[in-house]
Amino acid sequence: MRPDAARAYSRQGHDAVRARFESAWLATRLSALLAAAEGGEVLDLGCGDGHARHLCGGGLTRYVGVDLAHIEPVGDWRFVQHDLRDGLGPVGRRAFDVYLGTFGIASHLGPRQLERLLGEIARHARRGSIVALEALGLHSLEWPQLWERPPGAGRTIPYRMAADVAVHPWAPDELFALFDAHGIRPLGASDRTVQAGPKLGEGRYWPGLPDVRAALNAGLDGRMDPEELGPLRAPLPPLPACDAALVHHALAVRRARLPEDLPDVASAVWELEPCTARGLGHGLLVLGRVR
C-alpha cells in the first residue's frame, strides 16, 4: 500500500443531503441488487465506514469491506485494508453474490487500474454474480469542460477531499464496454444526484454554477433564509452546446418554478431528480452480471 494513501480520503462529507436523500437512493438499489443476485454475500469495495452495510437490511448474510484505511471488524463483518489501485486484494477465495463499489469509487482508479480490477472481479466471482460499481458521471454539471474529452489523462482532474486526489469521470457506454470486455454482461445504469453535486459551488471546474447542494443542506437544517436558498432558483451559466446542457438547464427551470411557500423545499427539489442513466449525475451506478 502507498504510504499515507488513506489520509486524502479521511474527511469525506457526510452531510444532510447524503443522510436524507442519497442514502435512501442507495438503499433502494441495494435491495434490488441483492434480489437480483439471489444471495446476500457482499464485497464492498472502497467501503469507508461500512455505510452500505447498514443500508443492505435483512438481506445481507456475509459482508467483507475493502478500504485504504484500517477499520475495526464489527461482529461477523470483516474488513480488509487494501488499495484497490493494486487490484482486488486479499479478500479470500470464496465468491460473493454482489461486488459493490459506491460513491464514485470507480473514478478514483485510473482507466488501466479499473480494467485490472474488473478482470480480477470477473475471475473471482461465480457465474451470475452481480457487479455494481459507481463512477463520477462524465456529464455531471460539476465539470462541463470534460464533457467532450476522451477517456485518459485529459479527462483526469484533481478532486478536493482532505487533499487533492485524481479522479476520472465516465460515461455509461464506456463502462458498459469495459464490463463486457472482462466477461461482465452490462445490465443497466442509474444517475445519482443530478442537480446537487458537492463540487458545484466551488467554481473550480466551471464558474457561475449555483451551489444547489449547500441550499438543500440549509433547507434540511431548517434554515429558510432567502439568501441561503437562492441557488435553488438561480439560472445556470452558459454551458457547452450538447444534450447534457439541455437537461441541466431544464432542471434549473423546474426548480425555479416551485412555489415559494413550500414547507419542505429540500424534499420538493429532490423530487425533481430525473431518473436518467446517461452519466448526468455526480454518481453513475453501472450494473453487470458475470457470465
C-alpha atoms as a PDB file:
ATOM      1  CA  MET A   1       0.000   0.000   0.000  1.00  0.00           C
ATOM      2  CA  ARG A   2       1.178   3.501  -0.746  1.00  0.00           C
ATOM      3  CA  PRO A   3       2.279   5.324   2.430  1.00  0.00           C
ATOM      4  CA  ASP A   4      -0.471   7.530   3.904  1.00  0.00           C
ATOM      5  CA  ALA A   5      -2.720   6.768   0.928  1.00  0.00           C
ATOM      6  CA  ALA A   6      -5.818   6.839   3.132  1.00  0.00           C
ATOM      7  CA  ARG A   7      -5.144  10.304   4.508  1.00  0.00           C
ATOM      8  CA  ALA A   8      -6.544  12.157   1.495  1.00  0.00           C
ATOM      9  CA  TYR A   9      -9.848  10.280   1.900  1.00  0.00           C
ATOM     10  CA  SER A  10     -10.146  10.748   5.654  1.00  0.00           C
ATOM     11  CA  ARG A  11     -12.704  13.585   5.654  1.00  0.00           C
ATOM     12  CA  GLN A  12     -15.385  12.612   3.204  1.00  0.00           C
ATOM     13  CA  GLY A  13     -18.513  14.738   3.558  1.00  0.00           C
ATOM     14  CA  HIS A  14     -21.405  13.043   5.314  1.00  0.00           C
ATOM     15  CA  ASP A  15     -23.805  15.963   5.030  1.00  0.00           C
ATOM     16  CA  ALA A  16     -27.580  16.186   5.365  1.00  0.00           C
ATOM     17  CA  VAL A  17     -28.140  15.564   1.645  1.00  0.00           C
ATOM     18  CA  ARG A  18     -26.291  12.261   1.872  1.00  0.00           C
ATOM     19  CA  ALA A  19     -28.038  11.249   5.091  1.00  0.00           C
ATOM     20  CA  ARG A  20     -31.556  12.147   3.925  1.00  0.00           C
ATOM     21  CA  PHE A  21     -31.587  11.624   0.178  1.00  0.00           C
ATOM     22  CA  GLU A  22     -28.540   9.825  -1.221  1.00  0.00           C
ATOM     23  CA  SER A  23     -28.612   7.050   1.393  1.00  0.00           C
ATOM     24  CA  ALA A  24     -32.277   6.353   0.661  1.00  0.00           C
ATOM     25  CA  TRP A  25     -31.486   6.245  -3.068  1.00  0.00           C
ATOM     26  CA  LEU A  26     -28.713   3.731  -2.449  1.00  0.00           C
ATOM     27  CA  ALA A  27     -30.727   1.598  -0.013  1.00  0.00           C
ATOM     28  CA  THR A  28     -33.449   1.106  -2.619  1.00  0.00           C
ATOM     29  CA  ARG A  29     -30.922  -0.054  -5.186  1.00  0.00           C
ATOM     30  CA  LEU A  30     -29.074  -2.329  -2.782  1.00  0.00           C
ATOM     31  CA  SER A  31     -32.314  -4.151  -2.001  1.00  0.00           C
ATOM     32  CA  ALA A  32     -32.880  -4.700  -5.717  1.00  0.00           C
ATOM     33  CA  LEU A  33     -29.265  -5.838  -6.222  1.00  0.00           C
ATOM     34  CA  LEU A  34     -29.496  -8.493  -3.518  1.00  0.00           C
ATOM     35  CA  ALA A  35     -32.749  -9.760  -5.005  1.00  0.00           C
ATOM     36  CA  ALA A  36     -31.234  -9.892  -8.493  1.00  0.00           C
ATOM     37  CA  ALA A  37     -28.166 -11.743  -7.208  1.00  0.00           C
ATOM     38  CA  GLU A  38     -30.340 -14.258  -5.322  1.00  0.00           C
ATOM     39  CA  GLY A  39     -27.924 -14.108  -2.409  1.00  0.00           C
ATOM     40  CA  GLY A  40     -26.772 -11.833   0.372  1.00  0.00           C
ATOM     41  CA  GLU A  41     -22.978 -12.101   0.268  1.00  0.00           C
ATOM     42  CA  VAL A  42     -21.480  -8.669  -0.472  1.00  0.00           C
ATOM     43  CA  LEU A  43     -17.938  -7.482  -1.123  1.00  0.00           C
ATOM     44  CA  ASP A  44     -17.920  -3.716  -0.552  1.00  0.00           C
ATOM     45  CA  LEU A  45     -15.061  -2.093  -2.482  1.00  0.00           C
ATOM     46  CA  GLY A  46     -13.937   1.224  -1.028  1.00  0.00           C
ATOM     47  CA  CYS A  47     -16.284   0.680   1.900  1.00  0.00           C
ATOM     48  CA  GLY A  48     -15.274   3.671   4.041  1.00  0.00           C
ATOM     49  CA  ASP A  49     -17.045   3.309   7.371  1.00  0.00           C
ATOM     50  CA  GLY A  50     -19.198   0.461   6.070  1.00  0.00           C
ATOM     51  CA  HIS A  51     -22.190   2.707   5.339  1.00  0.00           C
ATOM     52  CA  ALA A  52     -23.510   0.375   2.638  1.00  0.00           C
ATOM     53  CA  ARG A  53     -23.555  -2.491   5.150  1.00  0.00           C
ATOM     54  CA  HIS A  54     -26.207  -0.662   7.165  1.00  0.00           C
ATOM     55  CA  LEU A  55     -28.289   0.005   4.059  1.00  0.00           C
ATOM     56  CA  CYS A  56     -28.463  -3.627   2.884  1.00  0.00           C
ATOM     57  CA  GLY A  57     -31.021  -4.538   5.539  1.00  0.00           C
ATOM     58  CA  GLY A  58     -32.009  -8.084   6.403  1.00  0.00           C
ATOM     59  CA  GLY A  59     -30.930  -9.486   3.050  1.00  0.00           C
ATOM     60  CA  LEU A  60     -27.240  -9.299   3.975  1.00  0.00           C
ATOM     61  CA  THR A  61     -25.744 -12.651   5.029  1.00  0.00           C
ATOM     62  CA  ARG A  62     -21.979 -12.057   4.608  1.00  0.00           C
ATOM     63  CA  TYR A  63     -20.091  -8.799   4.316  1.00  0.00           C
ATOM     64  CA  VAL A  64     -16.453  -8.013   3.606  1.00  0.00           C
ATOM     65  CA  GLY A  65     -15.374  -4.392   3.233  1.00  0.00           C
ATOM     66  CA  VAL A  66     -12.180  -3.273   1.486  1.00  0.00           C
ATOM     67  CA  ASP A  67     -10.745   0.163   2.151  1.00  0.00           C
ATOM     68  CA  LEU A  68      -7.499   2.148   2.251  1.00  0.00           C
ATOM     69  CA  ALA A  69      -7.986   2.853   5.936  1.00  0.00           C
ATOM     70  CA  HIS A  70      -7.799   0.342   8.761  1.00  0.00           C
ATOM     71  CA  ILE A  71     -11.305  -0.414  10.054  1.00  0.00           C
ATOM     72  CA  GLU A  72     -12.052  -2.453  13.153  1.00  0.00           C
ATOM     73  CA  PRO A  73     -14.254  -5.518  12.495  1.00  0.00           C
ATOM     74  CA  VAL A  74     -17.837  -5.334  13.736  1.00  0.00           C
ATOM     75  CA  GLY A  75     -19.476  -8.590  14.781  1.00  0.00           C
ATOM     76  CA  ASP A  76     -19.278 -11.113  11.940  1.00  0.00           C
ATOM     77  CA  TRP A  77     -18.456  -8.498   9.304  1.00  0.00           C
ATOM     78  CA  ARG A  78     -14.846  -8.481   8.102  1.00  0.00           C
ATOM     79  CA  PHE A  79     -12.734  -5.606   6.776  1.00  0.00           C
ATOM     80  CA  VAL A  80      -9.590  -5.749   4.637  1.00  0.00           C
ATOM     81  CA  GLN A  81      -7.125  -2.873   4.405  1.00  0.00           C
ATOM     82  CA  HIS A  82      -6.045  -2.648   0.782  1.00  0.00           C
ATOM     83  CA  ASP A  83      -5.524  -0.160  -2.066  1.00  0.00           C
ATOM     84  CA  LEU A  84      -7.835  -1.082  -4.965  1.00  0.00           C
ATOM     85  CA  ARG A  85      -5.435   0.596  -7.373  1.00  0.00           C
ATOM     86  CA  ASP A  86      -3.380  -2.580  -6.827  1.00  0.00           C
ATOM     87  CA  GLY A  87      -6.248  -4.914  -7.723  1.00  0.00           C
ATOM     88  CA  LEU A  88      -8.916  -6.763  -5.792  1.00  0.00           C
ATOM     89  CA  GLY A  89      -6.721  -7.636  -2.838  1.00  0.00           C
ATOM     90  CA  PRO A  90      -6.729 -10.411  -0.181  1.00  0.00           C
ATOM     91  CA  VAL A  91     -10.477 -10.996   0.020  1.00  0.00           C
ATOM     92  CA  GLY A  92     -10.313 -14.807   0.181  1.00  0.00           C
ATOM     93  CA  ARG A  93     -11.198 -17.380  -2.452  1.00  0.00           C
ATOM     94  CA  ARG A  94     -14.918 -17.641  -1.810  1.00  0.00           C
ATOM     95  CA  ALA A  95     -17.032 -15.794  -4.381  1.00  0.00           C
ATOM     96  CA  PHE A  96     -19.590 -13.141  -3.486  1.00  0.00           C
ATOM     97  CA  ASP A  97     -23.103 -12.602  -4.770  1.00  0.00           C
ATOM     98  CA  VAL A  98     -22.588  -8.846  -5.159  1.00  0.00           C
ATOM     99  CA  TYR A  99     -19.373  -6.914  -5.872  1.00  0.00           C
ATOM    100  CA  LEU A 100     -20.255  -3.392  -4.819  1.00  0.00           C
ATOM    101  CA  GLY A 101     -18.480  -0.047  -5.093  1.00  0.00           C
ATOM    102  CA  THR A 102     -20.382   3.115  -4.143  1.00  0.00           C
ATOM    103  CA  PHE A 103     -19.877   6.880  -4.040  1.00  0.00           C
ATOM    104  CA  GLY A 104     -17.719   7.193  -7.139  1.00  0.00           C
ATOM    105  CA  ILE A 105     -15.115   4.544  -6.288  1.00  0.00           C
ATOM    106  CA  ALA A 106     -14.544   3.571  -9.952  1.00  0.00           C
ATOM    107  CA  SER A 107     -13.429   7.118 -10.766  1.00  0.00           C
ATOM    108  CA  HIS A 108     -10.790   7.047  -8.055  1.00  0.00           C
ATOM    109  CA  LEU A 109      -8.923   4.473 -10.157  1.00  0.00           C
ATOM    110  CA  GLY A 110      -7.139   5.236 -13.384  1.00  0.00           C
ATOM    111  CA  PRO A 111      -8.548   3.556 -16.530  1.00  0.00           C
ATOM    112  CA  ARG A 112      -5.926   0.792 -16.511  1.00  0.00           C
ATOM    113  CA  GLN A 113      -6.386   0.245 -12.782  1.00  0.00           C
ATOM    114  CA  LEU A 114     -10.135  -0.043 -13.279  1.00  0.00           C
ATOM    115  CA  GLU A 115      -9.651  -2.562 -16.076  1.00  0.00           C
ATOM    116  CA  ARG A 116      -7.397  -4.643 -13.850  1.00  0.00           C
ATOM    117  CA  LEU A 117      -9.961  -4.555 -11.034  1.00  0.00           C
ATOM    118  CA  LEU A 118     -12.799  -5.605 -13.328  1.00  0.00           C
ATOM    119  CA  GLY A 119     -10.762  -8.513 -14.672  1.00  0.00           C
ATOM    120  CA  GLU A 120      -9.936  -9.720 -11.167  1.00  0.00           C
ATOM    121  CA  ILE A 121     -13.564  -9.373 -10.064  1.00  0.00           C
ATOM    122  CA  ALA A 122     -14.733 -11.461 -13.035  1.00  0.00           C
ATOM    123  CA  ARG A 123     -12.216 -14.201 -12.234  1.00  0.00           C
ATOM    124  CA  HIS A 124     -13.055 -14.199  -8.522  1.00  0.00           C
ATOM    125  CA  ALA A 125     -16.844 -14.156  -8.923  1.00  0.00           C
ATOM    126  CA  ARG A 126     -19.201 -17.010  -9.669  1.00  0.00           C
ATOM    127  CA  ARG A 127     -21.284 -17.107 -12.805  1.00  0.00           C
ATOM    128  CA  GLY A 128     -24.296 -14.905 -12.152  1.00  0.00           C
ATOM    129  CA  SER A 129     -22.678 -12.645  -9.560  1.00  0.00           C
ATOM    130  CA  ILE A 130     -23.753  -9.003  -9.768  1.00  0.00           C
ATOM    131  CA  VAL A 131     -21.179  -6.231 -10.205  1.00  0.00           C
ATOM    132  CA  ALA A 132     -22.368  -2.741  -9.211  1.00  0.00           C
ATOM    133  CA  LEU A 133     -19.719  -0.028  -9.426  1.00  0.00           C
ATOM    134  CA  GLU A 134     -20.310   3.680  -9.182  1.00  0.00           C
ATOM    135  CA  ALA A 135     -18.209   6.252 -11.031  1.00  0.00           C
ATOM    136  CA  LEU A 136     -18.437  10.016 -11.246  1.00  0.00           C
ATOM    137  CA  GLY A 137     -20.697  10.878 -14.171  1.00  0.00           C
ATOM    138  CA  LEU A 138     -18.911  12.386 -17.164  1.00  0.00           C
ATOM    139  CA  HIS A 139     -21.821  14.727 -17.929  1.00  0.00           C
ATOM    140  CA  SER A 140     -22.273  15.966 -14.384  1.00  0.00           C
ATOM    141  CA  LEU A 141     -22.935  19.702 -14.184  1.00  0.00           C
ATOM    142  CA  GLU A 142     -19.847  19.989 -11.995  1.00  0.00           C
ATOM    143  CA  TRP A 143     -17.290  19.726 -14.848  1.00  0.00           C
ATOM    144  CA  PRO A 144     -18.667  20.735 -18.267  1.00  0.00           C
ATOM    145  CA  GLN A 145     -15.138  21.226 -19.587  1.00  0.00           C
ATOM    146  CA  LEU A 146     -14.753  17.418 -19.573  1.00  0.00           C
ATOM    147  CA  TRP A 147     -17.944  16.561 -21.435  1.00  0.00           C
ATOM    148  CA  GLU A 148     -16.294  16.148 -24.824  1.00  0.00           C
ATOM    149  CA  ARG A 149     -12.915  14.816 -23.714  1.00  0.00           C
ATOM    150  CA  PRO A 150     -11.994  11.192 -24.464  1.00  0.00           C
ATOM    151  CA  PRO A 151     -11.019   8.799 -21.662  1.00  0.00           C
ATOM    152  CA  GLY A 152      -7.469   9.088 -20.407  1.00  0.00           C
ATOM    153  CA  ALA A 153      -5.167  11.656 -18.917  1.00  0.00           C
ATOM    154  CA  GLY A 154      -7.006  14.610 -20.453  1.00  0.00           C
ATOM    155  CA  ARG A 155     -10.144  13.679 -18.527  1.00  0.00           C
ATOM    156  CA  THR A 156      -8.413  13.210 -15.171  1.00  0.00           C
ATOM    157  CA  ILE A 157      -8.872  16.126 -12.774  1.00  0.00           C
ATOM    158  CA  PRO A 158      -7.839  16.960  -9.188  1.00  0.00           C
ATOM    159  CA  TYR A 159     -10.722  16.438  -6.766  1.00  0.00           C
ATOM    160  CA  ARG A 160     -10.533  18.003  -3.333  1.00  0.00           C
ATOM    161  CA  MET A 161     -11.123  15.823  -0.288  1.00  0.00           C
ATOM    162  CA  ALA A 162      -8.768  16.136   2.696  1.00  0.00           C
ATOM    163  CA  ALA A 163      -6.244  16.712  -0.100  1.00  0.00           C
ATOM    164  CA  ASP A 164      -6.399  16.654  -3.878  1.00  0.00           C
ATOM    165  CA  VAL A 165      -6.898  13.201  -5.387  1.00  0.00           C
ATOM    166  CA  ALA A 166      -7.021  12.337  -9.084  1.00  0.00           C
ATOM    167  CA  VAL A 167     -10.423  11.280 -10.437  1.00  0.00           C
ATOM    168  CA  HIS A 168     -11.610  10.172 -13.873  1.00  0.00           C
ATOM    169  CA  PRO A 169     -15.336  10.617 -14.710  1.00  0.00           C
ATOM    170  CA  TRP A 170     -17.030   8.107 -17.034  1.00  0.00           C
ATOM    171  CA  ALA A 171     -19.936   7.843 -19.450  1.00  0.00           C
ATOM    172  CA  PRO A 172     -22.170   4.756 -19.176  1.00  0.00           C
ATOM    173  CA  ASP A 173     -21.376   3.353 -22.630  1.00  0.00           C
ATOM    174  CA  GLU A 174     -17.658   3.471 -21.807  1.00  0.00           C
ATOM    175  CA  LEU A 175     -18.180   1.477 -18.611  1.00  0.00           C
ATOM    176  CA  PHE A 176     -20.509  -0.942 -20.396  1.00  0.00           C
ATOM    177  CA  ALA A 177     -17.701  -1.630 -22.877  1.00  0.00           C
ATOM    178  CA  LEU A 178     -15.201  -2.260 -20.056  1.00  0.00           C
ATOM    179  CA  PHE A 179     -17.615  -4.579 -18.279  1.00  0.00           C
ATOM    180  CA  ASP A 180     -18.294  -6.518 -21.475  1.00  0.00           C
ATOM    181  CA  ALA A 181     -14.601  -6.841 -22.322  1.00  0.00           C
ATOM    182  CA  HIS A 182     -13.963  -8.512 -18.961  1.00  0.00           C
ATOM    183  CA  GLY A 183     -16.782 -11.036 -19.036  1.00  0.00           C
ATOM    184  CA  ILE A 184     -19.412  -8.965 -17.227  1.00  0.00           C
ATOM    185  CA  ARG A 185     -22.669  -8.553 -19.145  1.00  0.00           C
ATOM    186  CA  PRO A 186     -23.966  -4.963 -18.760  1.00  0.00           C
ATOM    187  CA  LEU A 187     -27.441  -4.732 -17.225  1.00  0.00           C
ATOM    188  CA  GLY A 188     -28.044  -1.008 -16.912  1.00  0.00           C
ATOM    189  CA  ALA A 189     -27.105   2.190 -15.145  1.00  0.00           C
ATOM    190  CA  SER A 190     -28.560   4.871 -12.871  1.00  0.00           C
ATOM    191  CA  ASP A 191     -27.598   8.502 -12.364  1.00  0.00           C
ATOM    192  CA  ARG A 192     -27.372   9.763  -8.770  1.00  0.00           C
ATOM    193  CA  THR A 193     -27.549  13.382  -7.619  1.00  0.00           C
ATOM    194  CA  VAL A 194     -28.033  15.137 -10.947  1.00  0.00           C
ATOM    195  CA  GLN A 195     -28.632  18.616  -9.537  1.00  0.00           C
ATOM    196  CA  ALA A 196     -26.703  18.707  -6.260  1.00  0.00           C
ATOM    197  CA  GLY A 197     -23.142  17.506  -6.760  1.00  0.00           C
ATOM    198  CA  PRO A 198     -20.808  18.534  -3.930  1.00  0.00           C
ATOM    199  CA  LYS A 199     -18.391  20.425  -6.213  1.00  0.00           C
ATOM    200  CA  LEU A 200     -20.966  22.715  -7.854  1.00  0.00           C
ATOM    201  CA  GLY A 201     -20.355  25.819  -5.795  1.00  0.00           C
ATOM    202  CA  GLU A 202     -16.575  25.726  -5.836  1.00  0.00           C
ATOM    203  CA  GLY A 203     -16.144  27.231  -9.285  1.00  0.00           C
ATOM    204  CA  ARG A 204     -13.034  25.134  -9.674  1.00  0.00           C
ATOM    205  CA  TYR A 205     -14.133  23.374 -12.847  1.00  0.00           C
ATOM    206  CA  TRP A 206     -16.798  25.729 -14.267  1.00  0.00           C
ATOM    207  CA  PRO A 207     -17.583  29.244 -12.992  1.00  0.00           C
ATOM    208  CA  GLY A 208     -21.003  30.564 -12.038  1.00  0.00           C
ATOM    209  CA  LEU A 209     -22.757  27.319 -11.092  1.00  0.00           C
ATOM    210  CA  PRO A 210     -25.314  27.714  -8.266  1.00  0.00           C
ATOM    211  CA  ASP A 211     -24.495  25.703  -5.148  1.00  0.00           C
ATOM    212  CA  VAL A 212     -27.708  23.695  -5.029  1.00  0.00           C
ATOM    213  CA  ARG A 213     -26.293  21.239  -2.525  1.00  0.00           C
ATOM    214  CA  ALA A 214     -25.484  23.943   0.027  1.00  0.00           C
ATOM    215  CA  ALA A 215     -29.012  25.314  -0.353  1.00  0.00           C
ATOM    216  CA  LEU A 216     -30.518  21.838   0.117  1.00  0.00           C
ATOM    217  CA  ASN A 217     -28.430  21.355   3.260  1.00  0.00           C
ATOM    218  CA  ALA A 218     -29.685  24.701   4.559  1.00  0.00           C
ATOM    219  CA  GLY A 219     -33.281  23.681   3.925  1.00  0.00           C
ATOM    220  CA  LEU A 220     -32.769  20.311   5.612  1.00  0.00           C
ATOM    221  CA  ASP A 221     -31.292  22.086   8.630  1.00  0.00           C
ATOM    222  CA  GLY A 222     -34.368  24.301   8.859  1.00  0.00           C
ATOM    223  CA  ARG A 223     -32.616  27.443   7.662  1.00  0.00           C
ATOM    224  CA  MET A 224     -35.036  29.236   5.359  1.00  0.00           C
ATOM    225  CA  ASP A 225     -33.049  32.415   4.756  1.00  0.00           C
ATOM    226  CA  PRO A 226     -33.781  33.554   1.166  1.00  0.00           C
ATOM    227  CA  GLU A 227     -30.103  34.230   0.533  1.00  0.00           C
ATOM    228  CA  GLU A 228     -29.088  30.699   1.516  1.00  0.00           C
ATOM    229  CA  LEU A 229     -31.891  29.186  -0.557  1.00  0.00           C
ATOM    230  CA  GLY A 230     -31.198  31.478  -3.511  1.00  0.00           C
ATOM    231  CA  PRO A 231     -29.215  28.875  -5.506  1.00  0.00           C
ATOM    232  CA  LEU A 232     -32.398  26.787  -5.805  1.00  0.00           C
ATOM    233  CA  ARG A 233     -33.867  29.462  -8.099  1.00  0.00           C
ATOM    234  CA  ALA A 234     -30.717  30.647  -9.816  1.00  0.00           C
ATOM    235  CA  PRO A 235     -30.284  30.103 -13.573  1.00  0.00           C
ATOM    236  CA  LEU A 236     -27.285  28.255 -14.907  1.00  0.00           C
ATOM    237  CA  PRO A 237     -24.408  29.981 -16.670  1.00  0.00           C
ATOM    238  CA  PRO A 238     -23.760  29.230 -20.359  1.00  0.00           C
ATOM    239  CA  LEU A 239     -22.740  25.613 -20.914  1.00  0.00           C
ATOM    240  CA  PRO A 240     -21.197  23.704 -23.834  1.00  0.00           C
ATOM    241  CA  ALA A 241     -23.792  23.078 -26.525  1.00  0.00           C
ATOM    242  CA  CYS A 242     -24.900  19.454 -26.170  1.00  0.00           C
ATOM    243  CA  ASP A 243     -27.813  17.342 -24.966  1.00  0.00           C
ATOM    244  CA  ALA A 244     -26.478  17.282 -21.391  1.00  0.00           C
ATOM    245  CA  ALA A 245     -26.724  21.075 -21.201  1.00  0.00           C
ATOM    246  CA  LEU A 246     -30.385  20.922 -22.242  1.00  0.00           C
ATOM    247  CA  VAL A 247     -31.201  18.541 -19.394  1.00  0.00           C
ATOM    248  CA  HIS A 248     -29.372  20.610 -16.790  1.00  0.00           C
ATOM    249  CA  HIS A 249     -30.942  23.886 -17.944  1.00  0.00           C
ATOM    250  CA  ALA A 250     -34.427  22.313 -17.940  1.00  0.00           C
ATOM    251  CA  LEU A 251     -33.909  21.086 -14.391  1.00  0.00           C
ATOM    252  CA  ALA A 252     -32.893  24.569 -13.231  1.00  0.00           C
ATOM    253  CA  VAL A 253     -36.071  25.984 -14.786  1.00  0.00           C
ATOM    254  CA  ARG A 254     -38.201  23.398 -12.959  1.00  0.00           C
ATOM    255  CA  ARG A 255     -36.567  24.313  -9.646  1.00  0.00           C
ATOM    256  CA  ALA A 256     -37.234  28.000 -10.198  1.00  0.00           C
ATOM    257  CA  ARG A 257     -40.934  27.323 -10.824  1.00  0.00           C
ATOM    258  CA  LEU A 258     -41.528  25.668  -7.458  1.00  0.00           C
ATOM    259  CA  PRO A 259     -43.851  27.646  -5.145  1.00  0.00           C
ATOM    260  CA  GLU A 260     -42.015  29.932  -2.739  1.00  0.00           C
ATOM    261  CA  ASP A 261     -44.015  28.900   0.353  1.00  0.00           C
ATOM    262  CA  LEU A 262     -43.181  25.193   0.377  1.00  0.00           C
ATOM    263  CA  PRO A 263     -42.834  23.843   3.942  1.00  0.00           C
ATOM    264  CA  ASP A 264     -40.170  21.317   2.878  1.00  0.00           C
ATOM    265  CA  VAL A 265     -38.408  22.919  -0.057  1.00  0.00           C
ATOM    266  CA  ALA A 266     -35.460  20.474   0.061  1.00  0.00           C
ATOM    267  CA  SER A 267     -37.696  17.444  -0.471  1.00  0.00           C
ATOM    268  CA  ALA A 268     -39.604  19.207  -3.227  1.00  0.00           C
ATOM    269  CA  VAL A 269     -36.372  19.980  -5.053  1.00  0.00           C
ATOM    270  CA  TRP A 270     -35.063  16.440  -4.605  1.00  0.00           C
ATOM    271  CA  GLU A 271     -38.277  15.029  -6.073  1.00  0.00           C
ATOM    272  CA  LEU A 272     -37.337  16.770  -9.322  1.00  0.00           C
ATOM    273  CA  GLU A 273     -34.329  14.468  -9.696  1.00  0.00           C
ATOM    274  CA  PRO A 274     -34.678  12.846 -13.134  1.00  0.00           C
ATOM    275  CA  CYS A 275     -34.436   9.063 -13.477  1.00  0.00           C
ATOM    276  CA  THR A 276     -31.677   9.011 -16.065  1.00  0.00           C
ATOM    277  CA  ALA A 277     -28.818   6.696 -16.991  1.00  0.00           C
ATOM    278  CA  ARG A 278     -26.604   8.960 -19.099  1.00  0.00           C
ATOM    279  CA  GLY A 279     -23.820   9.970 -16.742  1.00  0.00           C
ATOM    280  CA  LEU A 280     -25.574  13.248 -15.881  1.00  0.00           C
ATOM    281  CA  GLY A 281     -25.273  12.872 -12.125  1.00  0.00           C
ATOM    282  CA  HIS A 282     -22.492  13.226  -9.626  1.00  0.00           C
ATOM    283  CA  GLY A 283     -22.718   9.442  -9.337  1.00  0.00           C
ATOM    284  CA  LEU A 284     -23.183   6.898 -12.129  1.00  0.00           C
ATOM    285  CA  LEU A 285     -24.002   3.392 -10.877  1.00  0.00           C
ATOM    286  CA  VAL A 286     -23.367   0.750 -13.558  1.00  0.00           C
ATOM    287  CA  LEU A 287     -24.623  -2.814 -13.152  1.00  0.00           C
ATOM    288  CA  GLY A 288     -23.490  -6.057 -14.738  1.00  0.00           C
ATOM    289  CA  ARG A 289     -23.724  -9.826 -14.290  1.00  0.00           C
ATOM    290  CA  VAL A 290     -20.702 -12.116 -14.525  1.00  0.00           C
ATOM    291  CA  ARG A 291     -21.008 -14.550 -17.418  1.00  0.00           C
END
